[in-house]
């Protein structure tokens, strides 16, 4: 069976999906102010709308928690490196290499498995710790060349070899110049904005940025679902209220019974009536003609 490394849950890393809504060190007044702002914006009515607004509140608060956590991690990383660089001191000056090596072994700092910091301070501390009284002059010149142009130019200008009669005196003067002048100057540069920006860029890597963006996208998706649910509930309530008003204004319906079918006359009866009318008309016409003709005959 393959050995799988234990990966702690994300809730313990950034708190974005922790079951705890409000941690003890978080501001409860700010949380309540955000809740009131969302209630004024959405005006929830009912338990379901209140639950949707509360879901939006929790997601927004967790997004802020992730950002604050990343800022604190960055600040802690900067302070940790600064404390290491400010607290470590170079080795004292010894006459022989053996004495320096024994002191370094007995006073070796415990790094806890972490890599040692790098930079100008570390180079100066390492250079100063490598100096001792019986050091060869050629080795010292090689070590100075490895420091770089600016530091080497400073040492060659302030403590030139020709100024000291013996090599041990020159070595001791170089160490004094590094410990008392160059090293404090390099530590003072650690407070500059450029130095802090460079250290922050080392800590805020692309992987950390992508991780934060993925977490915020998950929380934004939860906010979008809660907003859609809230909008649907408000829309359904609005339709329900409008339909109730229409029903109250509508007139009452009267239901009529089935109408009686009209009696259809048969063809035989209609024909009889038609022939009867024609007969009556003929009789009337005959009588009229007779009344007009008979008086004329009598006159003759």
Foldseek 3Di string as FASTA:
>chain_A
DDDDDDDDDVCVVQVLPDPDQDDPPDDVVVLVVLLVVLCVVQVDDDDLLSVLSVLLSSLVVSLVSNVVSLVVVLVVQLVVLLCLLVVDAADDEAADPVVLVVVCVVPPDDPPPDDRDDDLSVLLSVLLSNFYQPDDPVVNVVSLVVSDDPSSVVLCVPQNPVVDPDDSVSSVVSSCCSRPPVNVVVSVCCPDPVNSVVSSDVVCDPVNVVVSVVSSVVSVVSSVVSVVVSVVVVVVVVVVVVVVVVVVPDDDDDDDDDDDDDDDDDPVVVVVVVVVVVVVVVVVVVVVVCVVPVVVVVVD
